[in-house]
Amino acid sequence: MNSRRVYPSDLTDAEWAILEPLSKIRASPVTPAPKPGGRPAKVPRREIVNAIQKVFP
């Protein structure tokens, strides 16, 4: 995914360093934890946050 354009709204490395630990927290205690051996993510979480920022500035 290194071939994508860089946008001014993208997170800086410093901003991502703050948000990355939060991206690994489960949404709810009721939500089951991911099972080992599951399918790996296709899109990095940082890219998802960048996309959300572009839609909701």
Protein backbone atom coordinates (compact mmCIF):
# COMPACT_ATOMS: atom_id res chain seq x y z
CA MET A 1 0.00 0.00 0.00
CA ASN A 2 2.99 2.30 -0.39
CA SER A 3 1.86 3.54 -3.81
CA ARG A 4 -1.02 5.68 -2.54
CA ARG A 5 -1.03 9.47 -2.69
CA VAL A 6 -0.18 11.47 0.40
CA TYR A 7 -2.86 13.96 1.45
CA PRO A 8 -2.56 16.95 3.81
CA SER A 9 -5.24 15.37 6.02
CA ASP A 10 -3.15 12.21 6.60
CA LEU A 11 -1.94 11.52 10.11
CA THR A 12 1.61 12.43 10.95
CA ASP A 13 3.83 9.81 12.58
CA ALA A 14 3.49 11.66 15.90
CA GLU A 15 -0.33 11.66 15.68
CA TRP A 16 -0.38 7.96 14.78
CA ALA A 17 1.93 7.16 17.71
CA ILE A 18 -0.80 8.53 20.00
CA LEU A 19 -3.72 6.82 18.24
CA GLU A 20 -2.19 3.44 17.41
CA PRO A 21 -2.58 1.93 20.91
CA LEU A 22 -6.25 2.99 20.90
CA SER A 23 -6.82 1.25 17.56
CA LYS A 24 -6.14 -2.12 19.19
CA ILE A 25 -8.79 -1.77 21.92
CA ARG A 26 -11.95 -3.78 21.40
CA ALA A 27 -15.11 -1.74 20.92
CA SER A 28 -17.06 -3.42 23.69
CA PRO A 29 -16.61 -6.02 26.43
CA VAL A 30 -19.43 -7.91 24.71
CA THR A 31 -17.52 -8.03 21.42
CA PRO A 32 -15.54 -11.27 21.28
CA ALA A 33 -11.79 -11.09 20.95
CA PRO A 34 -10.40 -12.10 17.55
CA LYS A 35 -9.54 -15.76 17.32
CA PRO A 36 -5.98 -16.81 16.58
CA GLY A 37 -5.42 -17.86 13.01
CA GLY A 38 -8.02 -15.48 11.62
CA ARG A 39 -7.74 -13.68 8.33
CA PRO A 40 -5.17 -10.86 8.41
CA ALA A 41 -6.40 -7.33 7.80
CA LYS A 42 -6.24 -6.17 4.18
CA VAL A 43 -6.06 -2.47 5.03
CA PRO A 44 -3.80 -1.04 7.75
CA ARG A 45 -5.70 0.73 10.53
CA ARG A 46 -3.77 3.91 9.92
CA GLU A 47 -5.18 4.05 6.39
CA ILE A 48 -8.70 3.60 7.75
CA VAL A 49 -8.21 6.54 10.14
CA ASN A 50 -6.80 8.62 7.27
CA ALA A 51 -9.90 7.84 5.18
CA ILE A 52 -12.23 8.80 8.02
CA GLN A 53 -10.41 12.10 8.43
CA LYS A 54 -10.81 12.82 4.73
CA VAL A 55 -14.58 12.25 4.86
CA PHE A 56 -15.16 13.93 8.26
CA PRO A 57 -12.63 16.78 8.50
